[in-house]
N, C-alpha and C. Protein backbone atom coordinates (compact mmCIF):
# COMPACT_ATOMS: atom_id res chain seq x y z
N MET A 1 -32.19 113.94 115.27
CA MET A 1 -31.87 114.14 113.87
C MET A 1 -32.84 115.16 113.28
N HIS A 2 -32.32 115.94 112.39
CA HIS A 2 -33.14 116.95 111.72
C HIS A 2 -33.61 116.41 110.38
N ALA A 3 -34.63 117.05 109.83
CA ALA A 3 -35.19 116.60 108.55
C ALA A 3 -34.17 116.68 107.42
N PHE A 4 -33.20 117.59 107.52
CA PHE A 4 -32.24 117.77 106.44
C PHE A 4 -30.84 117.35 106.85
N SER A 5 -30.71 116.37 107.71
CA SER A 5 -29.41 115.85 108.11
C SER A 5 -28.77 115.12 106.94
N SER A 6 -27.46 115.24 106.85
CA SER A 6 -26.76 114.49 105.80
C SER A 6 -26.76 113.03 106.18
N SER A 7 -26.66 112.16 105.18
CA SER A 7 -26.65 110.72 105.48
C SER A 7 -25.44 110.37 106.32
N ARG A 8 -24.34 111.06 106.13
CA ARG A 8 -23.14 110.80 106.94
C ARG A 8 -23.41 111.09 108.41
N SER A 9 -24.07 112.21 108.72
CA SER A 9 -24.34 112.54 110.11
C SER A 9 -25.37 111.60 110.71
N VAL A 10 -26.33 111.15 109.90
CA VAL A 10 -27.33 110.20 110.38
C VAL A 10 -26.65 108.88 110.74
N ILE A 11 -25.80 108.39 109.86
CA ILE A 11 -25.09 107.13 110.11
C ILE A 11 -24.22 107.25 111.35
N LYS A 12 -23.51 108.34 111.47
CA LYS A 12 -22.63 108.54 112.62
C LYS A 12 -23.42 108.56 113.92
N GLU A 13 -24.54 109.27 113.93
CA GLU A 13 -25.37 109.36 115.13
C GLU A 13 -25.96 108.00 115.51
N ILE A 14 -26.46 107.28 114.53
CA ILE A 14 -27.03 105.96 114.79
C ILE A 14 -25.96 105.00 115.28
N SER A 15 -24.83 104.99 114.61
CA SER A 15 -23.78 104.04 114.99
C SER A 15 -23.23 104.32 116.38
N GLN A 16 -23.13 105.58 116.76
CA GLN A 16 -22.62 105.91 118.09
C GLN A 16 -23.65 105.62 119.17
N SER A 17 -24.89 105.97 118.92
CA SER A 17 -25.91 105.82 119.96
C SER A 17 -26.30 104.36 120.18
N HIS A 18 -26.08 103.49 119.21
CA HIS A 18 -26.48 102.09 119.35
C HIS A 18 -25.31 101.13 119.32
N GLY A 19 -24.08 101.64 119.37
CA GLY A 19 -22.91 100.77 119.45
C GLY A 19 -22.57 100.03 118.18
N PHE A 20 -22.96 100.55 117.03
CA PHE A 20 -22.68 99.88 115.76
C PHE A 20 -21.40 100.39 115.09
N ALA A 21 -20.74 101.34 115.69
CA ALA A 21 -19.58 101.96 115.06
C ALA A 21 -18.51 100.92 114.71
N ALA A 22 -18.21 100.03 115.63
CA ALA A 22 -17.18 99.03 115.37
C ALA A 22 -17.58 98.13 114.20
N ARG A 23 -18.84 97.73 114.15
CA ARG A 23 -19.31 96.88 113.05
C ARG A 23 -19.21 97.59 111.70
N LEU A 24 -19.55 98.86 111.68
CA LEU A 24 -19.44 99.62 110.42
C LEU A 24 -17.99 99.74 110.00
N TRP A 25 -17.10 99.98 110.96
CA TRP A 25 -15.67 100.06 110.63
C TRP A 25 -15.15 98.72 110.15
N GLU A 26 -15.61 97.63 110.75
CA GLU A 26 -15.21 96.30 110.30
C GLU A 26 -15.61 96.10 108.84
N TYR A 27 -16.84 96.48 108.53
CA TYR A 27 -17.34 96.35 107.15
C TYR A 27 -16.48 97.17 106.18
N ARG A 28 -16.20 98.40 106.56
CA ARG A 28 -15.37 99.26 105.70
C ARG A 28 -13.98 98.67 105.51
N LEU A 29 -13.37 98.20 106.60
CA LEU A 29 -12.04 97.60 106.50
C LEU A 29 -12.06 96.37 105.59
N GLN A 30 -13.05 95.51 105.77
CA GLN A 30 -13.13 94.31 104.95
C GLN A 30 -13.32 94.65 103.48
N LYS A 31 -14.12 95.65 103.22
CA LYS A 31 -14.38 96.04 101.83
C LYS A 31 -13.14 96.65 101.17
N GLN A 32 -12.33 97.38 101.94
CA GLN A 32 -11.18 98.09 101.39
C GLN A 32 -9.84 97.44 101.76
N TRP A 33 -9.86 96.25 102.34
CA TRP A 33 -8.66 95.64 102.88
C TRP A 33 -7.52 95.55 101.87
N LYS A 34 -7.79 95.08 100.67
CA LYS A 34 -6.74 94.93 99.66
C LYS A 34 -6.09 96.27 99.33
N ALA A 35 -6.88 97.33 99.23
CA ALA A 35 -6.34 98.66 98.93
C ALA A 35 -5.54 99.22 100.11
N LEU A 36 -5.93 98.86 101.33
CA LEU A 36 -5.26 99.39 102.51
C LEU A 36 -3.91 98.73 102.77
N VAL A 37 -3.82 97.42 102.59
CA VAL A 37 -2.59 96.71 102.97
C VAL A 37 -1.80 96.17 101.79
N GLY A 38 -2.38 96.21 100.62
CA GLY A 38 -1.69 95.68 99.45
C GLY A 38 -2.17 94.28 99.12
N GLU A 39 -2.03 93.91 97.87
CA GLU A 39 -2.56 92.64 97.39
C GLU A 39 -1.87 91.43 98.03
N VAL A 40 -0.56 91.51 98.22
CA VAL A 40 0.19 90.38 98.77
C VAL A 40 -0.21 90.12 100.22
N VAL A 41 -0.22 91.15 101.04
CA VAL A 41 -0.60 91.00 102.45
C VAL A 41 -2.07 90.58 102.55
N ALA A 42 -2.92 91.16 101.74
CA ALA A 42 -4.35 90.85 101.78
C ALA A 42 -4.62 89.38 101.43
N ALA A 43 -3.76 88.78 100.61
CA ALA A 43 -3.94 87.38 100.24
C ALA A 43 -3.73 86.44 101.43
N HIS A 44 -3.05 86.92 102.47
CA HIS A 44 -2.74 86.07 103.63
C HIS A 44 -3.39 86.54 104.92
N THR A 45 -4.21 87.61 104.86
CA THR A 45 -4.80 88.18 106.06
C THR A 45 -6.25 88.55 105.84
N TRP A 46 -6.96 88.80 106.95
CA TRP A 46 -8.35 89.26 106.89
C TRP A 46 -8.68 90.02 108.17
N PRO A 47 -9.23 91.24 108.05
CA PRO A 47 -9.61 91.99 109.25
C PRO A 47 -10.88 91.39 109.88
N ALA A 48 -10.70 90.58 110.89
CA ALA A 48 -11.81 89.82 111.46
C ALA A 48 -12.77 90.67 112.28
N ARG A 49 -12.23 91.52 113.15
CA ARG A 49 -13.11 92.32 114.00
C ARG A 49 -12.33 93.45 114.66
N ILE A 50 -13.10 94.39 115.20
CA ILE A 50 -12.54 95.47 116.01
C ILE A 50 -13.16 95.32 117.39
N LYS A 51 -12.31 95.27 118.39
CA LYS A 51 -12.80 95.15 119.76
C LYS A 51 -11.89 95.96 120.66
N PHE A 52 -12.48 96.85 121.43
CA PHE A 52 -11.74 97.71 122.35
C PHE A 52 -10.62 98.47 121.63
N ARG A 53 -10.96 99.03 120.47
CA ARG A 53 -10.06 99.86 119.66
C ARG A 53 -8.83 99.08 119.16
N LYS A 54 -8.98 97.78 119.09
CA LYS A 54 -7.91 96.92 118.56
C LYS A 54 -8.45 96.15 117.36
N LEU A 55 -7.69 96.19 116.28
CA LEU A 55 -8.07 95.47 115.07
C LEU A 55 -7.50 94.06 115.18
N HIS A 56 -8.38 93.07 115.13
CA HIS A 56 -7.97 91.67 115.16
C HIS A 56 -7.92 91.16 113.73
N VAL A 57 -6.74 90.70 113.32
CA VAL A 57 -6.52 90.27 111.95
C VAL A 57 -6.20 88.78 111.92
N ALA A 58 -6.96 88.04 111.13
CA ALA A 58 -6.70 86.61 110.94
C ALA A 58 -5.58 86.47 109.92
N VAL A 59 -4.65 85.58 110.20
CA VAL A 59 -3.50 85.33 109.32
C VAL A 59 -3.50 83.84 108.99
N ASP A 60 -3.18 83.50 107.74
CA ASP A 60 -3.32 82.10 107.33
C ASP A 60 -2.22 81.16 107.79
N ASN A 61 -1.05 81.68 108.19
CA ASN A 61 -0.01 80.78 108.68
C ASN A 61 0.99 81.52 109.58
N SER A 62 1.79 80.75 110.30
CA SER A 62 2.71 81.33 111.29
C SER A 62 3.84 82.13 110.66
N VAL A 63 4.26 81.76 109.46
CA VAL A 63 5.33 82.51 108.79
C VAL A 63 4.86 83.93 108.51
N TRP A 64 3.64 84.06 107.98
CA TRP A 64 3.10 85.39 107.72
C TRP A 64 2.83 86.15 109.00
N LEU A 65 2.38 85.46 110.04
CA LEU A 65 2.14 86.12 111.31
C LEU A 65 3.43 86.76 111.82
N HIS A 66 4.52 86.01 111.75
CA HIS A 66 5.82 86.52 112.20
C HIS A 66 6.24 87.73 111.36
N GLN A 67 6.09 87.65 110.06
CA GLN A 67 6.46 88.76 109.17
C GLN A 67 5.62 90.00 109.45
N LEU A 68 4.34 89.80 109.72
CA LEU A 68 3.44 90.93 109.97
C LEU A 68 3.78 91.68 111.25
N LEU A 69 4.39 91.00 112.20
CA LEU A 69 4.82 91.69 113.43
C LEU A 69 5.82 92.80 113.10
N TYR A 70 6.67 92.55 112.10
CA TYR A 70 7.62 93.57 111.66
C TYR A 70 6.95 94.68 110.85
N LEU A 71 5.85 94.35 110.21
CA LEU A 71 5.13 95.32 109.37
C LEU A 71 4.01 96.04 110.11
N LYS A 72 3.79 95.73 111.37
CA LYS A 72 2.65 96.25 112.12
C LYS A 72 2.59 97.77 112.10
N ALA A 73 3.68 98.44 112.38
CA ALA A 73 3.70 99.91 112.42
C ALA A 73 3.33 100.50 111.05
N THR A 74 3.87 99.92 110.00
CA THR A 74 3.57 100.40 108.65
C THR A 74 2.11 100.18 108.29
N LEU A 75 1.58 99.01 108.62
CA LEU A 75 0.17 98.73 108.35
C LEU A 75 -0.73 99.69 109.13
N MET A 76 -0.38 99.93 110.38
CA MET A 76 -1.17 100.85 111.21
C MET A 76 -1.16 102.25 110.59
N GLU A 77 -0.02 102.71 110.14
CA GLU A 77 0.08 104.03 109.51
C GLU A 77 -0.78 104.09 108.25
N ASN A 78 -0.72 103.06 107.42
CA ASN A 78 -1.50 103.03 106.17
C ASN A 78 -2.99 103.08 106.46
N ILE A 79 -3.42 102.29 107.42
CA ILE A 79 -4.85 102.27 107.76
C ILE A 79 -5.29 103.61 108.32
N GLN A 80 -4.51 104.17 109.24
CA GLN A 80 -4.87 105.46 109.85
C GLN A 80 -4.83 106.60 108.83
N ALA A 81 -3.92 106.53 107.88
CA ALA A 81 -3.83 107.58 106.87
C ALA A 81 -5.05 107.58 105.95
N GLN A 82 -5.56 106.40 105.64
CA GLN A 82 -6.69 106.31 104.72
C GLN A 82 -8.04 106.32 105.43
N MET A 83 -8.04 106.03 106.73
CA MET A 83 -9.28 106.02 107.51
C MET A 83 -9.04 106.82 108.79
N GLU A 84 -8.94 108.13 108.62
CA GLU A 84 -8.54 109.01 109.71
C GLU A 84 -9.48 108.96 110.92
N GLU A 85 -10.76 108.74 110.70
CA GLU A 85 -11.73 108.74 111.81
C GLU A 85 -11.68 107.44 112.63
N LEU A 86 -11.07 106.40 112.09
CA LEU A 86 -10.95 105.14 112.80
C LEU A 86 -9.84 105.27 113.83
N GLU A 87 -10.19 105.11 115.08
CA GLU A 87 -9.23 105.29 116.17
C GLU A 87 -8.78 103.93 116.69
N LEU A 88 -7.71 103.42 116.10
CA LEU A 88 -7.16 102.13 116.52
C LEU A 88 -5.97 102.36 117.44
N GLU A 89 -5.86 101.50 118.45
CA GLU A 89 -4.71 101.55 119.35
C GLU A 89 -3.67 100.50 118.99
N ASP A 90 -4.13 99.39 118.39
CA ASP A 90 -3.22 98.28 118.14
C ASP A 90 -3.80 97.37 117.07
N ILE A 91 -2.94 96.53 116.51
CA ILE A 91 -3.37 95.47 115.61
C ILE A 91 -2.91 94.16 116.25
N ILE A 92 -3.82 93.22 116.36
CA ILE A 92 -3.53 91.91 116.95
C ILE A 92 -3.63 90.87 115.84
N PHE A 93 -2.56 90.14 115.61
CA PHE A 93 -2.54 89.11 114.59
C PHE A 93 -2.73 87.75 115.25
N ARG A 94 -3.61 86.92 114.66
CA ARG A 94 -3.87 85.56 115.13
C ARG A 94 -4.02 84.65 113.93
N ILE A 95 -3.54 83.44 114.07
CA ILE A 95 -3.72 82.48 112.99
C ILE A 95 -5.20 82.07 112.97
N GLY A 96 -5.76 82.09 111.78
CA GLY A 96 -7.17 81.77 111.63
C GLY A 96 -7.51 81.53 110.17
N GLU A 97 -8.74 81.14 109.95
CA GLU A 97 -9.20 80.89 108.59
C GLU A 97 -9.59 82.19 107.91
N LEU A 98 -9.26 82.27 106.64
CA LEU A 98 -9.62 83.45 105.85
C LEU A 98 -10.82 83.09 104.98
N PRO A 99 -11.66 84.07 104.69
CA PRO A 99 -12.78 83.80 103.78
C PRO A 99 -12.27 83.56 102.37
N GLU A 100 -13.10 82.95 101.56
CA GLU A 100 -12.75 82.72 100.16
C GLU A 100 -12.45 84.07 99.50
N PRO A 101 -11.42 84.14 98.67
CA PRO A 101 -11.05 85.42 98.05
C PRO A 101 -11.98 85.82 96.92
N ARG A 102 -13.13 86.40 97.30
CA ARG A 102 -14.09 86.91 96.34
C ARG A 102 -14.47 88.31 96.72
N GLU A 103 -14.71 89.14 95.73
CA GLU A 103 -15.03 90.54 95.96
C GLU A 103 -16.32 90.72 96.75
N ASP A 104 -17.29 89.84 96.55
CA ASP A 104 -18.58 90.02 97.19
C ASP A 104 -18.72 89.20 98.47
N SER A 105 -17.62 88.68 99.02
CA SER A 105 -17.71 87.82 100.20
C SER A 105 -18.26 88.56 101.41
N VAL A 106 -17.98 89.85 101.55
CA VAL A 106 -18.49 90.61 102.69
C VAL A 106 -20.01 90.66 102.62
N HIS A 107 -20.56 90.92 101.43
CA HIS A 107 -22.01 91.00 101.28
C HIS A 107 -22.65 89.64 101.54
N GLU A 108 -22.04 88.56 101.06
CA GLU A 108 -22.60 87.23 101.27
C GLU A 108 -22.62 86.87 102.74
N THR A 109 -21.56 87.20 103.48
CA THR A 109 -21.51 86.90 104.90
C THR A 109 -22.64 87.61 105.63
N ILE A 110 -22.87 88.85 105.31
CA ILE A 110 -23.93 89.62 105.95
C ILE A 110 -25.29 89.06 105.56
N ASP A 111 -25.47 88.72 104.27
CA ASP A 111 -26.76 88.25 103.80
C ASP A 111 -27.11 86.85 104.32
N GLN A 112 -26.12 85.99 104.60
CA GLN A 112 -26.38 84.64 105.02
C GLN A 112 -26.77 84.52 106.49
N ALA A 113 -26.40 85.49 107.30
CA ALA A 113 -26.69 85.42 108.73
C ALA A 113 -28.19 85.49 108.97
N PRO A 114 -28.71 84.65 109.89
CA PRO A 114 -30.14 84.72 110.18
C PRO A 114 -30.48 86.02 110.91
N VAL A 115 -31.48 86.70 110.42
CA VAL A 115 -31.90 87.97 110.99
C VAL A 115 -33.35 87.85 111.42
N SER A 116 -33.63 88.22 112.65
CA SER A 116 -35.01 88.14 113.14
C SER A 116 -35.85 89.25 112.52
N PRO A 117 -37.14 89.02 112.33
CA PRO A 117 -38.01 90.06 111.77
C PRO A 117 -38.05 91.32 112.64
N ALA A 118 -37.97 91.15 113.95
CA ALA A 118 -37.98 92.31 114.85
C ALA A 118 -36.72 93.15 114.65
N ALA A 119 -35.57 92.48 114.49
CA ALA A 119 -34.32 93.21 114.27
C ALA A 119 -34.35 93.94 112.93
N GLU A 120 -34.91 93.29 111.92
CA GLU A 120 -35.01 93.92 110.60
C GLU A 120 -35.91 95.16 110.65
N LYS A 121 -37.01 95.06 111.38
CA LYS A 121 -37.94 96.18 111.50
C LYS A 121 -37.26 97.34 112.25
N THR A 122 -36.59 97.03 113.35
CA THR A 122 -35.91 98.07 114.14
C THR A 122 -34.81 98.73 113.31
N ALA A 123 -34.04 97.93 112.59
CA ALA A 123 -32.97 98.48 111.74
C ALA A 123 -33.55 99.39 110.66
N GLY A 124 -34.69 98.99 110.08
CA GLY A 124 -35.34 99.82 109.08
C GLY A 124 -35.79 101.16 109.64
N GLU A 125 -36.24 101.16 110.88
CA GLU A 125 -36.65 102.42 111.53
C GLU A 125 -35.44 103.34 111.74
N TYR A 126 -34.30 102.75 112.11
CA TYR A 126 -33.09 103.54 112.34
C TYR A 126 -32.57 104.18 111.06
N THR A 127 -32.76 103.50 109.94
CA THR A 127 -32.16 103.97 108.69
C THR A 127 -33.13 104.66 107.74
N GLN A 128 -34.37 104.85 108.15
CA GLN A 128 -35.37 105.42 107.24
C GLN A 128 -35.02 106.83 106.78
N ALA A 129 -34.21 107.55 107.53
CA ALA A 129 -33.87 108.92 107.16
C ALA A 129 -32.76 108.99 106.10
N VAL A 130 -32.13 107.87 105.79
CA VAL A 130 -31.06 107.84 104.79
C VAL A 130 -31.68 107.85 103.41
N ASN A 131 -31.35 108.84 102.61
CA ASN A 131 -31.95 109.00 101.29
C ASN A 131 -31.38 108.07 100.23
N ASP A 132 -30.10 107.78 100.30
CA ASP A 132 -29.46 106.91 99.32
C ASP A 132 -29.94 105.47 99.55
N GLU A 133 -30.67 104.92 98.57
CA GLU A 133 -31.30 103.61 98.74
C GLU A 133 -30.28 102.49 98.98
N GLU A 134 -29.21 102.47 98.20
CA GLU A 134 -28.19 101.43 98.36
C GLU A 134 -27.54 101.50 99.74
N LEU A 135 -27.20 102.71 100.16
CA LEU A 135 -26.60 102.91 101.47
C LEU A 135 -27.58 102.50 102.57
N ARG A 136 -28.84 102.88 102.43
CA ARG A 136 -29.86 102.55 103.43
C ARG A 136 -30.01 101.03 103.56
N GLU A 137 -30.06 100.32 102.43
CA GLU A 137 -30.20 98.86 102.46
C GLU A 137 -28.99 98.19 103.11
N SER A 138 -27.80 98.65 102.75
CA SER A 138 -26.59 98.08 103.35
C SER A 138 -26.54 98.34 104.84
N LEU A 139 -26.83 99.54 105.23
CA LEU A 139 -26.81 99.90 106.64
C LEU A 139 -27.88 99.13 107.41
N THR A 140 -29.04 98.95 106.82
CA THR A 140 -30.11 98.19 107.46
C THR A 140 -29.68 96.74 107.68
N ARG A 141 -29.01 96.13 106.67
CA ARG A 141 -28.53 94.76 106.82
C ARG A 141 -27.51 94.64 107.95
N VAL A 142 -26.57 95.59 108.01
CA VAL A 142 -25.53 95.55 109.04
C VAL A 142 -26.15 95.71 110.43
N ILE A 143 -27.05 96.67 110.57
CA ILE A 143 -27.68 96.91 111.88
C ILE A 143 -28.56 95.72 112.28
N ALA A 144 -29.32 95.18 111.35
CA ALA A 144 -30.19 94.04 111.66
C ALA A 144 -29.36 92.84 112.09
N ARG A 145 -28.26 92.61 111.40
CA ARG A 145 -27.38 91.49 111.77
C ARG A 145 -26.80 91.71 113.15
N ALA A 146 -26.39 92.93 113.45
CA ALA A 146 -25.83 93.24 114.76
C ALA A 146 -26.88 93.05 115.86
N LEU A 147 -28.10 93.46 115.59
CA LEU A 147 -29.17 93.30 116.57
C LEU A 147 -29.53 91.83 116.78
N SER A 148 -29.39 91.02 115.74
CA SER A 148 -29.74 89.61 115.85
C SER A 148 -28.67 88.78 116.55
N SER A 149 -27.44 89.28 116.53
CA SER A 149 -26.36 88.48 117.13
C SER A 149 -26.15 88.73 118.58
C-alpha cells in the first residue's frame, strides 16, 4: 500500500489478501437488503452468508421459500445490478430464523460477538491507513470478528 492510497483500494487489498471479502460483502448485503430486494421480500428473508460465490438466504417459511424459487433470477439481477463487483453464481434459499427487524441489527450482531484482544490489535493494524474514522472502526470490527471466529 502507498501512503496516498484511497480507502477503497486499501479495503479491497486487505479484504483480498486476508480472505475478508465475503464477510464485507455479507455486511453490505445485510445493510442494504431491504433496498435490494424490496420491503415485502426483505420482511421474510435475510442474507445469512456468502460461501463459494453463493448467497445463502434464510427464509422464514416454506411458502416464501417456494415463491422465492420463482423470483430467484429477478433477485439475482437486482443484486448484481446494484452491486456490480459482487460475483455471485447462485442464491440458495433455506428455511431459518431471521434477525429481529431493526435497522441497527447488523451493528449489534457484530458488536456482541466476543473478540480477542490479539484479533482486535491485528485488525487495527490492517485498517490504520484508512482515513475515514467511521469506516476504519467498522472495518476493524468486521476484521476482528472474522479473526476471532
